[in-house]
N, C-alpha and C. Protein backbone atom coordinates (compact mmCIF):
# COMPACT_ATOMS: atom_id res chain seq x y z
N MET A 1 -50.93 -90.94 26.45
CA MET A 1 -51.12 -89.52 26.65
C MET A 1 -51.28 -89.20 28.14
N LYS A 2 -52.08 -90.07 28.85
CA LYS A 2 -52.27 -89.87 30.27
C LYS A 2 -50.95 -89.96 31.02
N ARG A 3 -50.12 -90.90 30.57
CA ARG A 3 -48.81 -91.09 31.21
C ARG A 3 -47.94 -89.85 31.02
N SER A 4 -47.96 -89.24 29.83
CA SER A 4 -47.17 -88.04 29.57
C SER A 4 -47.63 -86.87 30.44
N ILE A 5 -48.93 -86.69 30.59
CA ILE A 5 -49.45 -85.60 31.42
C ILE A 5 -49.07 -85.82 32.88
N SER A 6 -49.19 -87.06 33.35
CA SER A 6 -48.81 -87.36 34.74
C SER A 6 -47.32 -87.11 34.96
N PHE A 7 -46.50 -87.52 33.99
CA PHE A 7 -45.06 -87.32 34.11
C PHE A 7 -44.71 -85.83 34.13
N MET A 8 -45.32 -85.05 33.22
CA MET A 8 -45.05 -83.61 33.17
C MET A 8 -45.52 -82.92 34.46
N THR A 9 -46.66 -83.33 34.97
CA THR A 9 -47.16 -82.75 36.22
C THR A 9 -46.19 -83.03 37.36
N ALA A 10 -45.69 -84.25 37.43
CA ALA A 10 -44.72 -84.62 38.48
C ALA A 10 -43.43 -83.82 38.33
N MET A 11 -42.97 -83.62 37.11
CA MET A 11 -41.73 -82.87 36.87
C MET A 11 -41.90 -81.40 37.28
N ILE A 12 -43.03 -80.81 36.92
CA ILE A 12 -43.27 -79.41 37.29
C ILE A 12 -43.38 -79.26 38.80
N ALA A 13 -44.07 -80.20 39.45
CA ALA A 13 -44.18 -80.15 40.91
C ALA A 13 -42.80 -80.27 41.56
N ALA A 14 -41.97 -81.17 41.04
CA ALA A 14 -40.61 -81.33 41.58
C ALA A 14 -39.79 -80.06 41.38
N LEU A 15 -39.94 -79.43 40.23
CA LEU A 15 -39.21 -78.20 39.95
C LEU A 15 -39.58 -77.12 40.97
N PHE A 16 -40.87 -76.94 41.22
CA PHE A 16 -41.28 -75.93 42.20
C PHE A 16 -40.83 -76.31 43.61
N TYR A 17 -40.89 -77.58 43.94
CA TYR A 17 -40.48 -78.02 45.28
C TYR A 17 -39.00 -77.74 45.52
N PHE A 18 -38.15 -78.17 44.59
CA PHE A 18 -36.71 -78.00 44.79
C PHE A 18 -36.29 -76.54 44.66
N ASN A 19 -36.94 -75.80 43.78
CA ASN A 19 -36.63 -74.39 43.63
C ASN A 19 -37.04 -73.61 44.87
N GLY A 20 -38.15 -73.96 45.47
CA GLY A 20 -38.62 -73.29 46.67
C GLY A 20 -37.74 -73.55 47.88
N ASN A 21 -37.03 -74.68 47.90
CA ASN A 21 -36.16 -75.02 49.02
C ASN A 21 -34.73 -74.54 48.83
N ALA A 22 -34.46 -73.88 47.73
CA ALA A 22 -33.09 -73.41 47.47
C ALA A 22 -32.73 -72.33 48.49
N VAL A 23 -31.50 -72.36 48.94
CA VAL A 23 -31.02 -71.37 49.90
C VAL A 23 -30.61 -70.12 49.13
N ALA A 24 -31.07 -68.99 49.59
CA ALA A 24 -30.70 -67.73 48.94
C ALA A 24 -29.20 -67.50 49.07
N GLN A 25 -28.57 -67.13 47.99
CA GLN A 25 -27.14 -66.90 47.99
C GLN A 25 -26.85 -65.50 48.51
N GLU A 26 -25.92 -65.41 49.45
CA GLU A 26 -25.52 -64.12 49.98
C GLU A 26 -24.37 -63.59 49.14
N VAL A 27 -24.48 -62.35 48.71
CA VAL A 27 -23.44 -61.73 47.91
C VAL A 27 -22.56 -60.89 48.83
N GLU A 28 -21.27 -61.10 48.73
CA GLU A 28 -20.32 -60.33 49.52
C GLU A 28 -19.35 -59.63 48.58
N LYS A 29 -19.28 -58.34 48.68
CA LYS A 29 -18.34 -57.58 47.87
C LYS A 29 -16.97 -57.64 48.54
N LEU A 30 -15.96 -58.01 47.77
CA LEU A 30 -14.61 -58.10 48.31
C LEU A 30 -13.94 -56.73 48.35
N PHE A 31 -14.38 -55.84 47.50
CA PHE A 31 -13.83 -54.48 47.44
C PHE A 31 -14.93 -53.50 47.80
N ASN A 32 -14.69 -52.68 48.81
CA ASN A 32 -15.72 -51.76 49.29
C ASN A 32 -15.81 -50.47 48.49
N GLY A 33 -14.95 -50.28 47.49
CA GLY A 33 -14.99 -49.09 46.65
C GLY A 33 -14.30 -47.88 47.24
N LYS A 34 -13.79 -48.01 48.47
CA LYS A 34 -13.17 -46.87 49.13
C LYS A 34 -11.70 -47.06 49.44
N ASP A 35 -11.38 -48.25 49.96
CA ASP A 35 -10.00 -48.50 50.37
C ASP A 35 -9.69 -49.99 50.23
N LEU A 36 -8.49 -50.36 50.57
CA LEU A 36 -8.05 -51.75 50.43
C LEU A 36 -7.89 -52.41 51.79
N SER A 37 -8.76 -52.04 52.73
CA SER A 37 -8.65 -52.54 54.10
C SER A 37 -8.94 -54.03 54.23
N ASN A 38 -9.62 -54.64 53.27
CA ASN A 38 -9.93 -56.07 53.32
C ASN A 38 -8.88 -56.93 52.62
N TRP A 39 -7.75 -56.34 52.28
CA TRP A 39 -6.76 -57.02 51.47
C TRP A 39 -5.37 -57.02 52.12
N ASN A 40 -4.61 -58.06 51.80
CA ASN A 40 -3.18 -58.13 52.12
C ASN A 40 -2.42 -58.05 50.81
N PHE A 41 -1.13 -57.72 50.89
CA PHE A 41 -0.35 -57.49 49.67
C PHE A 41 1.00 -58.18 49.75
N ILE A 42 1.46 -58.63 48.60
CA ILE A 42 2.81 -59.16 48.42
C ILE A 42 3.46 -58.33 47.32
N VAL A 43 4.63 -57.80 47.60
CA VAL A 43 5.43 -57.08 46.60
C VAL A 43 6.75 -57.82 46.49
N GLN A 44 7.12 -58.15 45.26
CA GLN A 44 8.33 -58.94 45.02
C GLN A 44 9.53 -58.36 45.74
N GLY A 45 10.15 -59.20 46.57
CA GLY A 45 11.36 -58.81 47.28
C GLY A 45 11.13 -57.71 48.32
N ASN A 46 9.87 -57.41 48.62
CA ASN A 46 9.56 -56.31 49.55
C ASN A 46 10.33 -55.05 49.19
N SER A 47 10.46 -54.81 47.88
CA SER A 47 11.31 -53.72 47.39
C SER A 47 10.72 -52.33 47.62
N VAL A 48 9.40 -52.23 47.67
CA VAL A 48 8.74 -50.95 47.95
C VAL A 48 7.51 -51.23 48.83
N PRO A 49 7.02 -50.24 49.54
CA PRO A 49 5.78 -50.43 50.30
C PRO A 49 4.61 -50.71 49.36
N ALA A 50 3.69 -51.54 49.81
CA ALA A 50 2.55 -51.93 48.98
C ALA A 50 1.73 -50.74 48.51
N ASP A 51 1.63 -49.69 49.31
CA ASP A 51 0.81 -48.55 48.90
C ASP A 51 1.42 -47.76 47.74
N GLN A 52 2.65 -48.07 47.36
CA GLN A 52 3.24 -47.47 46.16
C GLN A 52 2.88 -48.25 44.90
N VAL A 53 2.31 -49.44 45.08
CA VAL A 53 1.93 -50.29 43.94
C VAL A 53 0.41 -50.37 43.81
N TYR A 54 -0.29 -50.47 44.93
CA TYR A 54 -1.74 -50.68 44.96
C TYR A 54 -2.42 -49.45 45.55
N SER A 55 -3.46 -48.96 44.87
CA SER A 55 -4.18 -47.79 45.37
C SER A 55 -5.63 -47.83 44.88
N VAL A 56 -6.43 -46.92 45.39
CA VAL A 56 -7.83 -46.76 44.97
C VAL A 56 -8.00 -45.34 44.47
N ASN A 57 -8.60 -45.22 43.27
CA ASN A 57 -8.86 -43.92 42.68
C ASN A 57 -10.21 -43.97 41.99
N ASN A 58 -11.12 -43.09 42.37
CA ASN A 58 -12.47 -43.06 41.79
C ASN A 58 -13.17 -44.42 41.86
N ASP A 59 -13.12 -45.05 43.03
CA ASP A 59 -13.77 -46.35 43.28
C ASP A 59 -13.19 -47.49 42.46
N ILE A 60 -11.97 -47.34 41.97
CA ILE A 60 -11.32 -48.36 41.14
C ILE A 60 -9.98 -48.72 41.76
N ILE A 61 -9.69 -50.02 41.84
CA ILE A 61 -8.38 -50.46 42.30
C ILE A 61 -7.39 -50.23 41.17
N GLN A 62 -6.30 -49.56 41.47
CA GLN A 62 -5.25 -49.34 40.48
C GLN A 62 -3.98 -50.04 40.94
N ILE A 63 -3.36 -50.77 40.01
CA ILE A 63 -2.14 -51.51 40.29
C ILE A 63 -1.10 -51.08 39.27
N LYS A 64 0.04 -50.61 39.74
CA LYS A 64 1.08 -50.11 38.83
C LYS A 64 1.70 -51.22 38.01
N GLY A 65 1.84 -52.41 38.57
CA GLY A 65 2.39 -53.53 37.79
C GLY A 65 3.86 -53.78 38.01
N THR A 66 4.59 -52.80 38.51
CA THR A 66 6.00 -53.02 38.84
C THR A 66 6.26 -52.40 40.20
N PRO A 67 6.95 -53.07 41.04
CA PRO A 67 7.44 -54.44 40.90
C PRO A 67 6.28 -55.44 40.92
N LEU A 68 6.60 -56.69 40.57
CA LEU A 68 5.59 -57.74 40.54
C LEU A 68 5.03 -57.98 41.93
N GLY A 69 3.85 -58.52 41.97
CA GLY A 69 3.24 -58.86 43.24
C GLY A 69 1.78 -59.21 43.05
N TYR A 70 1.07 -59.33 44.15
CA TYR A 70 -0.35 -59.62 44.09
C TYR A 70 -1.00 -59.20 45.39
N MET A 71 -2.32 -59.12 45.36
CA MET A 71 -3.10 -58.82 46.55
C MET A 71 -4.04 -60.00 46.79
N TYR A 72 -4.35 -60.25 48.06
CA TYR A 72 -5.24 -61.36 48.39
C TYR A 72 -6.12 -60.95 49.57
N THR A 73 -7.29 -61.56 49.64
CA THR A 73 -8.24 -61.20 50.68
C THR A 73 -7.75 -61.65 52.05
N LYS A 74 -8.08 -60.87 53.06
CA LYS A 74 -7.74 -61.25 54.43
C LYS A 74 -8.58 -62.44 54.87
N GLU A 75 -9.80 -62.52 54.38
CA GLU A 75 -10.71 -63.61 54.70
C GLU A 75 -10.52 -64.75 53.71
N LYS A 76 -10.62 -66.00 54.18
CA LYS A 76 -10.57 -67.16 53.28
C LYS A 76 -11.99 -67.51 52.88
N TYR A 77 -12.15 -67.96 51.63
CA TYR A 77 -13.46 -68.29 51.11
C TYR A 77 -13.45 -69.68 50.50
N GLY A 78 -14.60 -70.31 50.46
CA GLY A 78 -14.77 -71.60 49.80
C GLY A 78 -16.18 -71.68 49.23
N ASP A 79 -16.37 -72.50 48.24
CA ASP A 79 -17.67 -72.71 47.62
C ASP A 79 -18.28 -71.37 47.20
N TYR A 80 -17.65 -70.74 46.22
CA TYR A 80 -18.05 -69.40 45.82
C TYR A 80 -18.12 -69.26 44.31
N ILE A 81 -18.76 -68.20 43.89
CA ILE A 81 -18.74 -67.76 42.50
C ILE A 81 -18.10 -66.38 42.52
N LEU A 82 -17.05 -66.21 41.75
CA LEU A 82 -16.33 -64.94 41.73
C LEU A 82 -16.67 -64.18 40.45
N HIS A 83 -17.04 -62.93 40.62
CA HIS A 83 -17.28 -62.04 39.48
C HIS A 83 -16.24 -60.93 39.56
N ALA A 84 -15.48 -60.75 38.51
CA ALA A 84 -14.44 -59.72 38.49
C ALA A 84 -14.47 -58.99 37.16
N GLU A 85 -14.15 -57.72 37.20
CA GLU A 85 -14.02 -56.91 35.99
C GLU A 85 -12.69 -56.20 36.05
N TRP A 86 -11.98 -56.15 34.92
CA TRP A 86 -10.74 -55.39 34.87
C TRP A 86 -10.51 -54.88 33.46
N ARG A 87 -9.61 -53.92 33.36
CA ARG A 87 -9.27 -53.37 32.04
C ARG A 87 -7.84 -52.89 32.06
N TRP A 88 -7.28 -52.78 30.87
CA TRP A 88 -5.94 -52.22 30.71
C TRP A 88 -6.09 -50.76 30.35
N VAL A 89 -5.41 -49.89 31.05
CA VAL A 89 -5.45 -48.47 30.70
C VAL A 89 -4.56 -48.23 29.49
N GLU A 90 -3.41 -48.87 29.48
CA GLU A 90 -2.48 -48.74 28.36
C GLU A 90 -2.21 -50.12 27.79
N ALA A 91 -2.37 -50.27 26.50
CA ALA A 91 -2.07 -51.55 25.86
C ALA A 91 -0.57 -51.71 25.74
N GLY A 92 -0.12 -52.94 25.88
CA GLY A 92 1.31 -53.19 25.76
C GLY A 92 1.61 -54.68 25.78
N GLU A 93 2.74 -55.05 25.21
CA GLU A 93 3.12 -56.46 25.17
C GLU A 93 3.42 -57.01 26.55
N SER A 94 3.86 -56.16 27.46
CA SER A 94 4.23 -56.64 28.78
C SER A 94 3.04 -56.77 29.73
N ASN A 95 1.84 -56.39 29.28
CA ASN A 95 0.66 -56.52 30.13
C ASN A 95 0.42 -57.99 30.44
N ASN A 96 0.29 -58.28 31.71
CA ASN A 96 0.06 -59.65 32.15
C ASN A 96 -0.72 -59.56 33.44
N SER A 97 -1.82 -60.27 33.51
CA SER A 97 -2.64 -60.22 34.71
C SER A 97 -3.33 -61.54 34.90
N GLY A 98 -3.74 -61.80 36.11
CA GLY A 98 -4.47 -63.02 36.40
C GLY A 98 -5.09 -62.95 37.77
N ILE A 99 -5.91 -63.93 38.07
CA ILE A 99 -6.53 -64.06 39.38
C ILE A 99 -6.14 -65.42 39.93
N PHE A 100 -5.49 -65.41 41.09
CA PHE A 100 -5.16 -66.66 41.76
C PHE A 100 -6.37 -67.11 42.57
N LEU A 101 -6.67 -68.39 42.49
CA LEU A 101 -7.76 -68.98 43.26
C LEU A 101 -7.20 -70.09 44.14
N LEU A 102 -7.78 -70.24 45.29
CA LEU A 102 -7.48 -71.36 46.19
C LEU A 102 -6.02 -71.42 46.62
N ILE A 103 -5.41 -70.27 46.92
CA ILE A 103 -4.05 -70.30 47.44
C ILE A 103 -4.11 -70.68 48.92
N GLU A 104 -3.17 -71.48 49.34
CA GLU A 104 -3.12 -71.90 50.74
C GLU A 104 -2.33 -70.93 51.59
N THR A 105 -1.12 -70.63 51.15
CA THR A 105 -0.28 -69.70 51.90
C THR A 105 0.32 -68.69 50.93
N PRO A 106 0.31 -67.43 51.30
CA PRO A 106 0.91 -66.42 50.42
C PRO A 106 2.42 -66.58 50.38
N GLU A 107 2.98 -66.48 49.20
CA GLU A 107 4.42 -66.60 49.03
C GLU A 107 4.91 -65.48 48.14
N ASN A 108 6.18 -65.17 48.23
CA ASN A 108 6.77 -64.09 47.47
C ASN A 108 7.73 -64.68 46.45
N PRO A 109 7.60 -64.49 45.14
CA PRO A 109 6.69 -63.53 44.55
C PRO A 109 5.30 -64.10 44.24
N PHE A 110 5.14 -65.41 44.03
CA PHE A 110 3.82 -65.92 43.65
C PHE A 110 3.47 -67.16 44.45
N PRO A 111 2.18 -67.33 44.77
CA PRO A 111 1.74 -68.47 45.56
C PRO A 111 1.47 -69.69 44.70
N ASN A 112 1.35 -70.84 45.35
CA ASN A 112 0.86 -72.03 44.67
C ASN A 112 -0.66 -71.94 44.67
N GLY A 113 -1.26 -72.17 43.54
CA GLY A 113 -2.71 -72.10 43.42
C GLY A 113 -3.09 -72.13 41.95
N ILE A 114 -4.35 -71.95 41.69
CA ILE A 114 -4.86 -71.92 40.33
C ILE A 114 -4.85 -70.47 39.87
N GLU A 115 -4.26 -70.20 38.71
CA GLU A 115 -4.25 -68.84 38.18
C GLU A 115 -5.08 -68.80 36.91
N CYS A 116 -6.06 -67.92 36.88
CA CYS A 116 -6.88 -67.71 35.69
C CYS A 116 -6.42 -66.42 35.03
N GLN A 117 -6.14 -66.50 33.72
CA GLN A 117 -5.69 -65.31 33.00
C GLN A 117 -6.64 -64.99 31.87
């Protein structure tokens, strides 16, 4: 019994020690809610200007979906947790979306990287 109490006391002390030394995580919003100034854009075949495909309306990023393309941050990131929310305004069989992670170089129409759908 004494051994169990000593072990539990040591575990609780270790928990407080390591938790107290944790570095506070800084949260950075990738979208400022106003404009797309922190982003670069790829539009398939450069067929239209990016602002005809990507826009901001009521603090929401809107993407027309045609022509194909993607947007990516101007800043490179590593060792991160990404939180994203999206929705379809109109349901349809052709709806297709994803988030590319860890792309090295932007390419047209799509980069090499991990895509989460």
